[in-house]
């Protein structure tokens, strides 16, 4: 476990939230439940028998997590193996191989001193004797082994070459969350980083082949390479020779997956060209003033990089020629000033004719002609626009505006703007139950998009439970690409500070 102090899980606003929300495990508030008489016996389920005896006899009981009652019990159904992994009204409750991040373990732990280090009230099973230490350990060990069914099949383990997934960095826990794009739930947490201190995985990018994901750390010295078939770290590169390696903010992968560009958000930040086959630095392309966002041309020999402060886009060629481009009528400047744009992220349209740039300080998106490198249009958006995501089946560019005051409720903060990249008009401003939305990705295959809310500020929605690494949990939501409305009403809770999103197959 990383060296952060755990929150007290049974005090403060988390307990208040549990009492107020009446969701998840705490929804079973009845007389002592009895085993369901119409449901399956433990032997009839697909659970391993020792797990089945606990879940069927003590959880999937009358009034709680069985077929008849689960919708009133946090939408968590437990009367057979296949239902458990649909999750609850708060998202995943069991994450294979990760008992420390499976919220079911917090609720069935009656003793944080004797059983484990996290316990959340009310203890489940509700109004029954708590699980024994032996029963608790059976569930914990089962999850640690991948939560297999009685035949040894691991959930979400089939079809590894083609399964559509979304990847989400968890800055507060040094984890990479893996989301099944069909069921929308977290199916794995990949432990990333190198040391016991939090290294803050900042950005994730999957290659166009859907074969590897790459993540970088603002508080670490590495870029790590993840095999998307096994969801394991398979290689990495140590960048400590470049300004100690800290501050790598963004990575961008070539269309063929063979090369990687990385930027270092420092006053003398490196721009590095990396060979992804052996994870070695091929070349230092430039040293620039606070380079951040990256977009490449179709042949991946010219790159456009945002200078985080000022009004400047750097145009950088593979042979190390640098041109400063202004986003407005003023000469290019690389420091923040009164009236500056402070460009953050940059993204090409699918036909590479234009690139979109989010401008944090001026609260707008600036659209540039790629061939002429001239401004086409400036579109006002919400406060502090951050990340971009593009669809290829709809003419939409999505923009997260992290600090935009909500138009629907004072309980929420942030918006998502949808811009038609052909007509350059705002299609819709989405005011969902966001709180500090940042990462966003589009799943064209399944007609949806995912939005991550950091929820890092203490005035955001109180989390349903705590995380093993401490800190304040964030969440993500799923939207329908056709209607631009929520695809589900669930806020899928994850570990602290979900930050950067990318989809596997684009």
Protein backbone atom coordinates (compact mmCIF):
# COMPACT_ATOMS: atom_id res chain seq x y z
CA UNK A 1 0.00 0.00 0.00
CA UNK A 2 1.27 3.51 -0.82
CA UNK A 3 2.33 5.69 2.06
CA UNK A 4 -0.79 7.80 2.53
CA UNK A 5 -2.78 8.08 5.75
CA UNK A 6 -6.09 6.24 5.62
CA UNK A 7 -9.24 8.19 6.31
CA UNK A 8 -11.16 7.16 9.40
CA UNK A 9 -13.81 5.13 7.60
CA UNK A 10 -16.55 5.32 10.21
CA UNK A 11 -16.38 9.00 11.07
CA UNK A 12 -16.94 12.33 9.36
CA UNK A 13 -18.70 13.01 6.13
CA UNK A 14 -18.28 9.50 4.75
CA UNK A 15 -20.46 8.05 7.51
CA UNK A 16 -22.94 10.88 7.03
CA UNK A 17 -23.04 10.12 3.34
CA UNK A 18 -23.69 6.45 4.00
CA UNK A 19 -26.57 7.27 6.31
CA UNK A 20 -28.05 9.84 3.94
CA UNK A 21 -27.72 8.01 0.68
CA UNK A 22 -29.14 4.67 1.82
CA UNK A 23 -27.53 2.96 -1.11
CA UNK A 24 -25.21 0.07 -1.77
CA UNK A 25 -24.83 -2.46 0.98
CA UNK A 26 -26.59 -0.29 3.55
CA UNK A 27 -29.91 -0.54 1.74
CA UNK A 28 -31.01 -3.73 3.56
CA UNK A 29 -32.66 -2.27 6.65
CA UNK A 30 -35.19 -4.86 7.75
CA UNK A 31 -35.70 -7.45 10.40
CA UNK A 32 -33.06 -10.17 10.41
CA UNK A 33 -33.20 -11.57 6.84
CA UNK A 34 -33.78 -15.20 6.16
CA UNK A 35 -32.30 -17.27 3.35
CA UNK A 36 -34.42 -16.98 0.23
CA UNK A 37 -36.70 -19.97 -0.23
CA UNK A 38 -37.13 -19.55 -3.98
CA UNK A 39 -33.54 -18.82 -4.97
CA UNK A 40 -30.75 -21.23 -5.84
CA UNK A 41 -28.97 -23.30 -3.24
CA UNK A 42 -25.21 -22.77 -2.89
CA UNK A 43 -24.64 -25.96 -4.88
CA UNK A 44 -26.76 -24.68 -7.76
CA UNK A 45 -24.77 -21.48 -8.30
CA UNK A 46 -21.61 -20.85 -10.27
CA UNK A 47 -19.74 -19.61 -7.20
CA UNK A 48 -17.08 -21.83 -5.64
CA UNK A 49 -18.96 -23.72 -2.94
CA UNK A 50 -17.27 -22.09 0.07
CA UNK A 51 -18.02 -18.63 -1.34
CA UNK A 52 -21.55 -19.66 -2.33
CA UNK A 53 -22.41 -20.75 1.19
CA UNK A 54 -21.58 -17.29 2.48
CA UNK A 55 -23.19 -15.23 -0.28
CA UNK A 56 -26.34 -17.31 -0.71
CA UNK A 57 -27.03 -17.96 2.96
CA UNK A 58 -26.04 -14.57 4.34
CA UNK A 59 -26.27 -11.98 1.53
CA UNK A 60 -28.72 -13.09 -1.17
CA UNK A 61 -31.45 -13.34 1.45
CA UNK A 62 -35.05 -12.25 1.62
CA UNK A 63 -35.22 -8.47 1.51
CA UNK A 64 -31.61 -8.00 0.45
CA UNK A 65 -29.41 -9.05 -2.47
CA UNK A 66 -31.60 -11.67 -4.16
CA UNK A 67 -33.65 -11.54 -7.34
CA UNK A 68 -36.77 -10.25 -5.63
CA UNK A 69 -35.17 -7.52 -3.54
CA UNK A 70 -31.87 -6.38 -5.02
CA UNK A 71 -33.24 -3.21 -6.67
CA UNK A 72 -34.03 -1.93 -3.21
CA UNK A 73 -30.64 -3.06 -1.91
CA UNK A 74 -28.37 -0.78 -3.87
CA UNK A 75 -29.09 -2.71 -7.10
CA UNK A 76 -26.55 -5.32 -6.02
CA UNK A 77 -27.67 -8.84 -6.89
CA UNK A 78 -25.67 -11.71 -5.39
CA UNK A 79 -27.76 -14.85 -5.89
CA UNK A 80 -25.39 -16.11 -8.57
CA UNK A 81 -21.93 -15.42 -9.90
CA UNK A 82 -22.98 -13.64 -13.12
CA UNK A 83 -24.96 -10.96 -11.29
CA UNK A 84 -22.32 -9.95 -8.76
CA UNK A 85 -20.09 -8.47 -11.46
CA UNK A 86 -22.79 -6.14 -12.72
CA UNK A 87 -21.94 -4.10 -9.64
CA UNK A 88 -24.25 -1.92 -7.58
CA UNK A 89 -25.64 1.60 -7.79
CA UNK A 90 -22.11 2.75 -6.98
CA UNK A 91 -20.28 0.59 -9.52
CA UNK A 92 -18.04 -2.42 -8.98
CA UNK A 93 -18.11 -4.11 -5.57
CA UNK A 94 -15.70 -6.94 -6.44
CA UNK A 95 -12.63 -6.22 -8.57
CA UNK A 96 -10.81 -9.46 -9.48
CA UNK A 97 -7.29 -9.74 -8.01
CA UNK A 98 -7.86 -6.60 -5.91
CA UNK A 99 -9.53 -7.26 -2.54
CA UNK A 100 -8.03 -4.06 -1.16
CA UNK A 101 -10.04 -2.09 -3.73
CA UNK A 102 -13.21 -4.22 -3.63
CA UNK A 103 -15.74 -2.29 -1.57
CA UNK A 104 -17.52 -5.48 -0.49
CA UNK A 105 -14.57 -6.15 1.81
CA UNK A 106 -15.11 -2.90 3.71
CA UNK A 107 -18.73 -3.70 4.49
CA UNK A 108 -18.22 -7.30 5.61
CA UNK A 109 -15.35 -6.36 7.94
CA UNK A 110 -16.71 -5.96 11.49
CA UNK A 111 -13.31 -5.35 13.08
CA UNK A 112 -10.67 -3.08 11.47
CA UNK A 113 -8.17 -4.19 14.08
CA UNK A 114 -8.71 -7.94 13.95
CA UNK A 115 -9.84 -8.55 10.36
CA UNK A 116 -8.35 -5.86 8.12
CA UNK A 117 -7.54 -2.16 8.02
CA UNK A 118 -10.75 -0.76 6.50
CA UNK A 119 -14.26 -1.15 7.86
CA UNK A 120 -17.39 0.78 6.91
CA UNK A 121 -20.64 0.79 8.83
CA UNK A 122 -23.27 -0.60 8.75
CA UNK A 123 -21.63 -4.01 8.81
CA UNK A 124 -23.03 -6.58 6.42
CA UNK A 125 -24.82 -8.99 6.63
CA UNK A 126 -27.28 -6.49 8.05
CA UNK A 127 -29.04 -7.45 11.29
CA UNK A 128 -27.21 -10.77 11.35
CA UNK A 129 -24.10 -11.92 13.17
CA UNK A 130 -21.02 -10.64 11.34
CA UNK A 131 -18.91 -12.92 9.24
CA UNK A 132 -16.32 -14.87 11.13
CA UNK A 133 -12.67 -14.19 10.45
CA UNK A 134 -12.57 -17.47 8.54
CA UNK A 135 -15.50 -16.46 6.33
CA UNK A 136 -13.99 -13.02 5.75
CA UNK A 137 -10.70 -14.60 4.71
CA UNK A 138 -12.49 -16.97 2.32
CA UNK A 139 -13.94 -13.97 0.44
CA UNK A 140 -10.68 -12.04 0.55
CA UNK A 141 -8.59 -14.95 -0.72
CA UNK A 142 -11.14 -15.70 -3.44
CA UNK A 143 -10.95 -12.13 -4.77
CA UNK A 144 -7.14 -12.13 -4.54
CA UNK A 145 -7.09 -15.21 -6.80
CA UNK A 146 -9.21 -13.41 -9.41
CA UNK A 147 -12.71 -14.19 -8.05
CA UNK A 148 -13.11 -17.26 -10.30
CA UNK A 149 -16.33 -19.21 -10.72
CA UNK A 150 -16.49 -22.83 -9.60
CA UNK A 151 -14.89 -23.93 -12.87
CA UNK A 152 -11.95 -21.58 -12.47
CA UNK A 153 -13.10 -18.96 -14.99
CA UNK A 154 -11.97 -15.44 -14.13
CA UNK A 155 -14.55 -12.66 -14.65
CA UNK A 156 -13.93 -10.66 -17.83
CA UNK A 157 -11.06 -12.98 -18.72
CA UNK A 158 -12.42 -14.14 -22.07
CA UNK A 159 -11.73 -12.59 -25.48
CA UNK A 160 -8.55 -10.76 -24.41
CA UNK A 161 -7.58 -9.77 -27.96
CA UNK A 162 -10.84 -8.00 -28.77
CA UNK A 163 -12.47 -6.95 -25.49
CA UNK A 164 -13.24 -3.26 -25.55
CA UNK A 165 -11.96 -1.48 -22.46
CA UNK A 166 -11.40 2.02 -21.16
CA UNK A 167 -8.32 2.90 -19.12
CA UNK A 168 -8.42 5.49 -16.32
CA UNK A 169 -5.45 6.77 -14.31
CA UNK A 170 -5.99 7.08 -10.56
CA UNK A 171 -3.58 9.83 -9.52
CA UNK A 172 -4.21 9.41 -5.82
CA UNK A 173 -3.46 5.68 -5.65
CA UNK A 174 -0.93 4.86 -8.39
CA UNK A 175 -3.47 2.62 -10.09
CA UNK A 176 -4.72 2.25 -13.62
CA UNK A 177 -8.39 1.35 -13.64
CA UNK A 178 -9.67 -0.94 -16.40
CA UNK A 179 -13.33 -0.61 -17.35
CA UNK A 180 -15.32 -3.13 -19.37
CA UNK A 181 -16.94 -1.04 -22.09
CA UNK A 182 -20.02 -3.26 -22.32
CA UNK A 183 -20.93 -3.45 -18.63
CA UNK A 184 -19.31 -0.10 -17.75
CA UNK A 185 -17.78 -1.42 -14.51
CA UNK A 186 -14.20 -1.52 -13.23
CA UNK A 187 -12.85 -5.01 -13.92
CA UNK A 188 -9.20 -4.61 -12.92
CA UNK A 189 -6.90 -2.25 -11.04
CA UNK A 190 -3.35 -2.38 -12.40
CA UNK A 191 -0.70 -1.41 -9.88
CA UNK A 192 1.64 1.03 -11.56
CA UNK A 193 4.57 3.16 -10.41
CA UNK A 194 7.84 2.08 -8.86
CA UNK A 195 8.13 3.28 -5.26
CA UNK A 196 6.01 3.39 -2.12
CA UNK A 197 5.30 7.11 -2.37
CA UNK A 198 2.50 8.27 -4.64
CA UNK A 199 3.91 9.02 -8.09
CA UNK A 200 0.63 10.34 -9.54
CA UNK A 201 -0.05 8.61 -12.89
CA UNK A 202 -1.09 11.60 -14.92
CA UNK A 203 -1.87 10.50 -18.46
CA UNK A 204 -2.73 7.31 -20.32
CA UNK A 205 -2.69 6.65 -24.05
CA UNK A 206 -3.56 3.45 -25.94
CA UNK A 207 -2.04 2.85 -29.37
CA UNK A 208 -4.28 2.69 -32.42
CA UNK A 209 -3.90 -1.09 -32.57
CA UNK A 210 -5.39 -1.45 -29.09
CA UNK A 211 -2.34 -3.50 -28.15
CA UNK A 212 -0.51 -1.42 -25.54
CA UNK A 213 -1.31 1.41 -23.17
CA UNK A 214 1.30 3.87 -21.94
CA UNK A 215 1.17 5.93 -18.77
CA UNK A 216 3.41 8.63 -17.34
CA UNK A 217 3.82 10.07 -13.86
CA UNK A 218 4.21 13.67 -12.72
CA UNK A 219 5.83 12.44 -9.51
CA UNK A 220 7.80 9.55 -10.99
CA UNK A 221 10.66 8.98 -13.38
CA UNK A 222 9.14 6.37 -15.67
CA UNK A 223 6.83 5.78 -18.57
CA UNK A 224 5.28 2.33 -18.23
CA UNK A 225 3.95 0.07 -20.98
CA UNK A 226 0.87 -2.07 -20.30
CA UNK A 227 -0.23 -5.09 -22.32
CA UNK A 228 -3.95 -4.57 -22.92
CA UNK A 229 -4.56 -8.31 -23.34
CA UNK A 230 -3.25 -9.23 -19.89
CA UNK A 231 -3.53 -5.81 -18.22
CA UNK A 232 -0.02 -6.11 -16.85
CA UNK A 233 2.99 -3.79 -16.97
CA UNK A 234 5.39 -5.37 -19.45
CA UNK A 235 8.07 -2.72 -19.93
CA UNK A 236 9.13 0.76 -18.87
CA UNK A 237 11.67 3.48 -19.50
CA UNK A 238 13.64 5.33 -16.84
CA UNK A 239 13.81 9.04 -17.69
CA UNK A 240 15.85 10.19 -14.70
CA UNK A 241 18.56 11.51 -17.05
CA UNK A 242 16.16 14.24 -18.22
CA UNK A 243 15.69 16.85 -15.47
CA UNK A 244 15.53 13.90 -13.01
CA UNK A 245 12.62 12.49 -15.05
CA UNK A 246 9.86 14.21 -13.08
CA UNK A 247 7.05 16.17 -14.69
CA UNK A 248 6.30 13.99 -17.75
CA UNK A 249 2.70 15.04 -18.37
CA UNK A 250 1.56 13.76 -21.76
CA UNK A 251 2.43 10.93 -24.14
CA UNK A 252 1.30 10.55 -27.74
CA UNK A 253 1.66 7.37 -29.81
CA UNK A 254 2.34 7.23 -33.55
CA UNK A 255 -0.37 5.76 -35.83
CA UNK A 256 1.65 2.55 -36.27
CA UNK A 257 2.36 2.25 -32.55
CA UNK A 258 6.13 2.23 -33.06
CA UNK A 259 6.99 5.66 -31.67
CA UNK A 260 6.04 7.73 -28.67
CA UNK A 261 6.36 11.47 -28.02
CA UNK A 262 6.55 12.59 -24.38
CA UNK A 263 6.47 16.13 -22.99
CA UNK A 264 7.84 17.39 -19.69
CA UNK A 265 5.92 20.28 -18.11
CA UNK A 266 8.90 22.32 -16.91
CA UNK A 267 10.40 25.67 -17.84
CA UNK A 268 13.10 23.75 -19.67
CA UNK A 269 10.99 20.71 -20.44
CA UNK A 270 12.19 17.93 -22.69
CA UNK A 271 10.32 16.65 -25.72
CA UNK A 272 11.43 13.07 -26.24
CA UNK A 273 11.00 10.61 -29.10
CA UNK A 274 10.82 7.06 -27.73
CA UNK A 275 10.97 3.71 -29.51
CA UNK A 276 8.11 1.65 -28.08
CA UNK A 277 9.53 -1.74 -29.13
CA UNK A 278 12.44 -1.57 -26.69
CA UNK A 279 11.35 1.52 -24.70
CA UNK A 280 14.48 3.58 -25.37
CA UNK A 281 14.90 7.28 -26.12
CA UNK A 282 15.68 7.72 -29.80
CA UNK A 283 16.09 11.45 -29.72
CA UNK A 284 15.67 14.66 -27.78
CA UNK A 285 13.53 16.62 -30.19
CA UNK A 286 13.57 19.90 -28.25
CA UNK A 287 13.79 21.61 -24.90
CA UNK A 288 10.84 24.00 -24.63
CA UNK A 289 9.08 26.23 -22.15
CA UNK A 290 6.42 24.13 -20.40
CA UNK A 291 5.40 21.85 -23.27
CA UNK A 292 2.21 19.89 -22.57
CA UNK A 293 -0.41 18.68 -25.09
CA UNK A 294 0.69 16.83 -28.22
CA UNK A 295 -0.87 16.22 -31.64
CA UNK A 296 0.85 14.76 -34.70
CA UNK A 297 0.28 15.11 -38.42
CA UNK A 298 -0.75 12.04 -40.50
CA UNK A 299 2.84 11.03 -41.25
CA UNK A 300 3.98 11.63 -37.69
CA UNK A 301 6.92 13.78 -38.69
CA UNK A 302 5.50 17.11 -37.52
CA UNK A 303 4.09 17.70 -34.06
CA UNK A 304 2.01 20.44 -32.49
CA UNK A 305 2.56 21.05 -28.78
CA UNK A 306 0.86 23.43 -26.41
CA UNK A 307 2.99 25.74 -24.32
CA UNK A 308 1.00 25.60 -21.08
CA UNK A 309 1.44 29.30 -20.34
CA UNK A 310 0.96 32.19 -22.73
CA UNK A 311 -0.53 32.00 -26.22
CA UNK A 312 1.90 29.67 -27.97
CA UNK A 313 1.73 26.47 -29.96
CA UNK A 314 5.06 24.89 -30.83
CA UNK A 315 5.33 23.33 -34.28
CA UNK A 316 8.11 20.76 -34.07
CA UNK A 317 9.47 18.60 -36.89
CA UNK A 318 11.17 15.23 -36.62
CA UNK A 319 14.44 16.91 -37.63
CA UNK A 320 14.15 19.22 -34.60
CA UNK A 321 12.98 22.43 -36.27
CA UNK A 322 10.85 24.52 -33.91
CA UNK A 323 8.38 27.24 -34.96
CA UNK A 324 6.33 29.27 -32.50
CA UNK A 325 2.72 29.82 -33.54
CA UNK A 326 0.41 32.34 -31.91
CA UNK A 327 -3.15 31.42 -31.00
CA UNK A 328 -4.28 35.03 -31.40
CA UNK A 329 -3.29 38.29 -33.00
CA UNK A 330 -0.41 38.84 -30.59
CA UNK A 331 3.17 37.62 -31.00
CA UNK A 332 3.80 34.20 -29.43
CA UNK A 333 4.61 34.45 -25.72
CA UNK A 334 5.51 31.54 -23.44
CA UNK A 335 4.55 32.93 -20.02
CA UNK A 336 1.14 33.51 -18.49
CA UNK A 337 0.00 37.15 -18.58
CA UNK A 338 -3.15 39.19 -18.23
CA UNK A 339 -5.18 38.22 -21.28
CA UNK A 340 -3.15 35.13 -22.15
CA UNK A 341 -4.77 31.90 -23.35
CA UNK A 342 -2.75 29.31 -21.42
CA UNK A 343 -3.29 26.46 -23.90
CA UNK A 344 -3.59 23.05 -22.27
CA UNK A 345 -4.64 20.22 -24.58
CA UNK A 346 -4.60 19.84 -28.35
CA UNK A 347 -6.30 17.35 -30.66
CA UNK A 348 -6.60 16.81 -34.41
CA UNK A 349 -9.90 16.28 -36.17
CA UNK A 350 -10.14 12.83 -37.81
CA UNK A 351 -9.26 14.26 -41.24
CA UNK A 352 -6.27 16.18 -39.83
CA UNK A 353 -7.55 19.43 -41.35
CA UNK A 354 -7.88 21.26 -38.04
CA UNK A 355 -6.65 21.09 -34.50
CA UNK A 356 -8.60 22.09 -31.39
CA UNK A 357 -6.86 23.71 -28.42
CA UNK A 358 -8.32 24.17 -24.93
CA UNK A 359 -7.38 27.53 -23.39
CA UNK A 360 -7.61 27.38 -19.60
CA UNK A 361 -7.24 31.06 -18.80
CA UNK A 362 -9.50 32.50 -21.51
CA UNK A 363 -12.13 29.73 -21.09
CA UNK A 364 -12.41 28.91 -24.76
CA UNK A 365 -11.50 26.42 -27.44
CA UNK A 366 -9.41 27.79 -30.30
CA UNK A 367 -9.58 26.00 -33.63
CA UNK A 368 -6.61 26.24 -35.98
CA UNK A 369 -6.19 25.35 -39.64
CA UNK A 370 -3.45 22.72 -39.77
CA UNK A 371 -2.11 23.52 -43.21
CA UNK A 372 -2.02 27.28 -42.74
CA UNK A 373 -1.49 27.28 -38.96
CA UNK A 374 -3.98 30.12 -38.71
CA UNK A 375 -6.88 30.70 -36.36
CA UNK A 376 -10.25 29.65 -37.78
CA UNK A 377 -12.50 30.30 -34.82
CA UNK A 378 -12.53 30.84 -31.06
CA UNK A 379 -15.46 29.24 -29.22
CA UNK A 380 -16.27 30.32 -25.63
CA UNK A 381 -16.83 27.31 -23.37
CA UNK A 382 -17.07 26.70 -19.64
CA UNK A 383 -14.61 27.67 -16.94
CA UNK A 384 -11.15 26.03 -17.14
CA UNK A 385 -11.48 23.77 -20.18
CA UNK A 386 -9.12 20.80 -19.89
CA UNK A 387 -9.28 17.60 -21.91
CA UNK A 388 -10.52 16.74 -25.39
CA UNK A 389 -11.98 13.60 -26.94
CA UNK A 390 -13.12 13.04 -30.51
CA UNK A 391 -15.63 10.75 -32.18
CA UNK A 392 -15.17 9.33 -35.66
CA UNK A 393 -18.78 8.21 -36.13
CA UNK A 394 -20.29 11.50 -34.96
CA UNK A 395 -18.75 14.88 -35.90
CA UNK A 396 -18.19 15.68 -32.23
CA UNK A 397 -15.30 17.09 -30.26
CA UNK A 398 -15.87 16.83 -26.50
CA UNK A 399 -14.40 19.31 -24.00
CA UNK A 400 -14.34 18.92 -20.21
CA UNK A 401 -14.62 22.22 -18.32
CA UNK A 402 -13.42 21.33 -14.85
CA UNK A 403 -14.45 24.35 -12.78
CA UNK A 404 -17.56 25.46 -14.64
CA UNK A 405 -20.41 26.39 -12.24
CA UNK A 406 -23.24 23.93 -12.74
CA UNK A 407 -26.49 25.28 -14.17
CA UNK A 408 -28.53 22.52 -12.55
CA UNK A 409 -27.35 22.19 -8.94
CA UNK A 410 -24.97 23.79 -6.46
CA UNK A 411 -23.99 20.24 -5.45
CA UNK A 412 -22.09 19.78 -8.70
CA UNK A 413 -19.35 21.57 -10.60
CA UNK A 414 -18.14 21.28 -14.19
CA UNK A 415 -19.60 20.71 -17.62
CA UNK A 416 -18.89 19.01 -20.93
CA UNK A 417 -19.18 20.94 -24.19
CA UNK A 418 -19.92 19.13 -27.43
CA UNK A 419 -18.68 20.91 -30.57
CA UNK A 420 -19.43 19.86 -34.15
CA UNK A 421 -15.98 19.79 -35.72
CA UNK A 422 -17.42 20.28 -39.22
CA UNK A 423 -19.70 23.26 -38.58
CA UNK A 424 -17.67 24.55 -35.59
CA UNK A 425 -20.84 25.15 -33.59
CA UNK A 426 -21.63 24.10 -30.03
CA UNK A 427 -24.04 21.16 -30.21
CA UNK A 428 -24.72 20.95 -26.49
CA UNK A 429 -23.49 21.94 -23.08
CA UNK A 430 -23.92 18.95 -20.77
CA UNK A 431 -24.58 19.79 -17.14
CA UNK A 432 -24.44 16.40 -15.47
CA UNK A 433 -23.78 15.42 -11.88
CA UNK A 434 -20.09 16.08 -12.45
CA UNK A 435 -17.61 17.36 -9.95
CA UNK A 436 -14.36 18.61 -11.47
CA UNK A 437 -14.65 16.58 -14.69
CA UNK A 438 -11.29 16.05 -16.34
CA UNK A 439 -10.62 12.85 -18.31
CA UNK A 440 -12.94 11.94 -21.15
CA UNK A 441 -12.90 9.27 -23.88
CA UNK A 442 -15.23 8.16 -26.67
CA UNK A 443 -16.15 4.55 -27.37
CA UNK A 444 -17.39 4.68 -30.96
CA UNK A 445 -17.81 0.90 -31.03
CA UNK A 446 -20.47 0.92 -28.34
CA UNK A 447 -21.90 4.37 -28.95
CA UNK A 448 -20.98 5.93 -25.62
CA UNK A 449 -18.49 8.19 -23.90
CA UNK A 450 -16.98 8.20 -20.42
CA UNK A 451 -16.40 11.24 -18.20
CA UNK A 452 -14.22 11.12 -15.06
CA UNK A 453 -14.92 13.46 -12.15
CA UNK A 454 -11.90 14.06 -9.95
CA UNK A 455 -14.06 15.04 -6.93
CA UNK A 456 -10.86 16.14 -5.23
CA UNK A 457 -12.36 19.17 -3.49
CA UNK A 458 -13.99 18.55 -0.12
CA UNK A 459 -17.18 20.35 -1.18
CA UNK A 460 -17.89 17.67 -3.78
CA UNK A 461 -20.25 14.71 -3.38
CA UNK A 462 -19.33 12.63 -0.33
CA UNK A 463 -17.94 9.26 -1.44
CA UNK A 464 -19.87 6.09 -0.70
CA UNK A 465 -16.78 4.40 0.75
CA UNK A 466 -13.06 4.90 1.25
CA UNK A 467 -10.04 3.67 -0.66
CA UNK A 468 -7.21 1.46 0.50
CA UNK A 469 -4.69 4.23 -0.24
CA UNK A 470 -6.69 6.88 1.59
CA UNK A 471 -7.91 10.10 0.05
CA UNK A 472 -11.24 11.06 -1.44
CA UNK A 473 -12.79 8.78 -4.05
CA UNK A 474 -13.78 10.10 -7.45
CA UNK A 475 -16.16 8.64 -10.01
CA UNK A 476 -16.94 8.32 -13.70
CA UNK A 477 -20.17 8.40 -15.67
CA UNK A 478 -21.29 6.95 -18.98
CA UNK A 479 -23.16 8.91 -21.66
CA UNK A 480 -24.95 7.87 -24.85
CA UNK A 481 -23.13 9.13 -27.94
CA UNK A 482 -26.35 9.43 -29.95
CA UNK A 483 -28.55 11.26 -27.46
CA UNK A 484 -25.80 12.98 -25.40
CA UNK A 485 -27.81 11.92 -22.35
CA UNK A 486 -26.71 9.63 -19.51
CA UNK A 487 -26.53 5.99 -20.59
CA UNK A 488 -26.98 5.00 -16.94
CA UNK A 489 -27.87 6.87 -13.74
CA UNK A 490 -24.84 5.46 -11.95
CA UNK A 491 -21.87 7.37 -10.63
CA UNK A 492 -19.26 4.62 -10.81
CA UNK A 493 -17.06 5.22 -7.80
CA UNK A 494 -13.33 4.64 -8.12
CA UNK A 495 -10.21 5.35 -6.08
CA UNK A 496 -8.99 8.94 -5.54
CA UNK A 497 -8.38 11.42 -8.32
CA UNK A 498 -9.42 9.68 -11.56
CA UNK A 499 -7.65 11.87 -14.06
CA UNK A 500 -6.94 10.70 -17.62
CA UNK A 501 -9.12 8.43 -19.82
CA UNK A 502 -8.48 6.54 -23.05
CA UNK A 503 -10.39 3.86 -24.90
CA UNK A 504 -8.71 0.71 -26.21
CA UNK A 505 -10.15 0.42 -29.74
CA UNK A 506 -10.90 3.76 -31.32
